Structures are given as structure tokens and as C-alpha cells.
Amino acid sequence: MSDIIGKNEPLVKIACNYCLHYHRANMAGFSCDAFKAIPREILTGKNDHSKPLPEQNNKIVYEPKKK
């Protein structure tokens, strides 16, 4: 099975899929209102994005979708 995140990194259930600010993945990659390209540390689950990252140009963080 190919790994869409990176070589030798396991696929994980990322919080982005449940975030209000997430844009569906497309040919350009994974993006959201906070990032043009979501950083690997978030995609791999190493960072839950509960606080803005230094490289962000905004203060948007993970926010669960309204049901």
C-alpha cells in the first residue's frame, strides 16, 4: 500500500478531516484556512494544531465541524 503522507510514516486518522477550516484534499495537496499546505507535523498527528504555529499568517486553529 502506498503512503500518501511520506515514506515510512504510517497513515493516521487526522483531525483535519473533522475541522471546520479543512478543504478537501486535491491535486495541490492538503489545505485549510490556516495553511496553503498543511504541515507534515499536523498531517501525521504529531501536532493537534490547538495553538497557531509560528509560520502561520493567521491565528486559525483546529475547530470541530458543527454537526
C-alpha atoms as a PDB file:
ATOM      1  CA  MET A   1       0.000   0.000   0.000  1.00  0.00           C
ATOM      2  CA  SER A   2       1.379   3.413  -0.863  1.00  0.00           C
ATOM      3  CA  ASP A   3       1.808   6.026   1.816  1.00  0.00           C
ATOM      4  CA  ILE A   4       0.241   9.377   0.920  1.00  0.00           C
ATOM      5  CA  ILE A   5       1.924  11.338   3.702  1.00  0.00           C
ATOM      6  CA  GLY A   6       5.547  10.327   3.382  1.00  0.00           C
ATOM      7  CA  LYS A   7       7.855   7.375   3.138  1.00  0.00           C
ATOM      8  CA  ASN A   8       7.750   5.086   6.174  1.00  0.00           C
ATOM      9  CA  GLU A   9       5.185   7.214   8.021  1.00  0.00           C
ATOM     10  CA  PRO A  10       2.006   5.390   8.998  1.00  0.00           C
ATOM     11  CA  LEU A  11      -1.329   6.669   7.796  1.00  0.00           C
ATOM     12  CA  VAL A  12      -3.228   8.106  10.725  1.00  0.00           C
ATOM     13  CA  LYS A  13      -6.714   9.415  11.301  1.00  0.00           C
ATOM     14  CA  ILE A  14      -6.022  13.138  11.176  1.00  0.00           C
ATOM     15  CA  ALA A  15      -8.127  15.689  12.982  1.00  0.00           C
ATOM     16  CA  CYS A  16      -8.158  17.836   9.824  1.00  0.00           C
ATOM     17  CA  ASN A  17     -10.955  15.690   8.402  1.00  0.00           C
ATOM     18  CA  TYR A  18     -13.174  16.848  11.256  1.00  0.00           C
ATOM     19  CA  CYS A  19     -12.079  20.505  11.257  1.00  0.00           C
ATOM     20  CA  LEU A  20     -14.346  23.343  10.195  1.00  0.00           C
ATOM     21  CA  HIS A  21     -11.457  25.000   8.299  1.00  0.00           C
ATOM     22  CA  TYR A  22     -10.278  21.976   6.270  1.00  0.00           C
ATOM     23  CA  HIS A  23     -10.517  21.956   2.465  1.00  0.00           C
ATOM     24  CA  ARG A  24     -10.893  18.598   0.774  1.00  0.00           C
ATOM     25  CA  ALA A  25      -7.591  17.202  -0.487  1.00  0.00           C
ATOM     26  CA  ASN A  26      -6.991  17.907  -4.161  1.00  0.00           C
ATOM     27  CA  MET A  27      -4.174  17.657  -6.683  1.00  0.00           C
ATOM     28  CA  ALA A  28      -2.440  20.583  -4.963  1.00  0.00           C
ATOM     29  CA  GLY A  29      -2.358  18.694  -1.656  1.00  0.00           C
ATOM     30  CA  PHE A  30      -3.943  19.177   1.749  1.00  0.00           C
ATOM     31  CA  SER A  31      -5.008  22.719   2.626  1.00  0.00           C
ATOM     32  CA  CYS A  32      -7.187  24.662   5.018  1.00  0.00           C
ATOM     33  CA  ASP A  33      -7.969  28.232   6.011  1.00  0.00           C
ATOM     34  CA  ALA A  34      -4.847  28.251   8.198  1.00  0.00           C
ATOM     35  CA  PHE A  35      -2.371  26.841   5.624  1.00  0.00           C
ATOM     36  CA  LYS A  36      -1.998  26.680   1.838  1.00  0.00           C
ATOM     37  CA  ALA A  37      -0.212  23.382   2.539  1.00  0.00           C
ATOM     38  CA  ILE A  38      -0.917  21.739   5.896  1.00  0.00           C
ATOM     39  CA  PRO A  39       2.407  20.976   7.634  1.00  0.00           C
ATOM     40  CA  ARG A  40       3.515  17.343   7.922  1.00  0.00           C
ATOM     41  CA  GLU A  41       3.534  17.505  11.742  1.00  0.00           C
ATOM     42  CA  ILE A  42      -0.234  18.124  11.670  1.00  0.00           C
ATOM     43  CA  LEU A  43      -0.967  15.576   8.937  1.00  0.00           C
ATOM     44  CA  THR A  44       0.922  12.887  10.832  1.00  0.00           C
ATOM     45  CA  GLY A  45      -0.857  13.658  14.110  1.00  0.00           C
ATOM     46  CA  LYS A  46       2.282  14.889  15.890  1.00  0.00           C
ATOM     47  CA  ASN A  47       0.639  18.292  16.405  1.00  0.00           C
ATOM     48  CA  ASP A  48      -3.072  18.703  17.138  1.00  0.00           C
ATOM     49  CA  HIS A  49      -2.999  22.335  15.951  1.00  0.00           C
ATOM     50  CA  SER A  50      -4.658  23.624  19.092  1.00  0.00           C
ATOM     51  CA  LYS A  51      -2.346  26.664  19.003  1.00  0.00           C
ATOM     52  CA  PRO A  52      -1.185  28.705  15.969  1.00  0.00           C
ATOM     53  CA  LEU A  53       2.192  27.714  14.556  1.00  0.00           C
ATOM     54  CA  PRO A  54       4.926  30.356  14.064  1.00  0.00           C
ATOM     55  CA  GLU A  55       4.792  30.028  10.260  1.00  0.00           C
ATOM     56  CA  GLN A  56       1.069  30.829  10.083  1.00  0.00           C
ATOM     57  CA  ASN A  57      -0.081  34.176   8.716  1.00  0.00           C
ATOM     58  CA  ASN A  58      -3.239  33.968  10.849  1.00  0.00           C
ATOM     59  CA  LYS A  59      -4.457  32.641  14.191  1.00  0.00           C
ATOM     60  CA  ILE A  60      -6.770  29.906  12.879  1.00  0.00           C
ATOM     61  CA  VAL A  61      -6.546  26.609  14.795  1.00  0.00           C
ATOM     62  CA  TYR A  62      -8.405  23.297  14.836  1.00  0.00           C
ATOM     63  CA  GLU A  63     -12.131  23.769  15.377  1.00  0.00           C
ATOM     64  CA  PRO A  64     -14.519  20.812  15.160  1.00  0.00           C
ATOM     65  CA  LYS A  65     -17.184  20.903  12.468  1.00  0.00           C
ATOM     66  CA  LYS A  66     -20.660  21.655  13.666  1.00  0.00           C
ATOM     67  CA  LYS A  67     -22.896  18.586  13.415  1.00  0.00           C
END
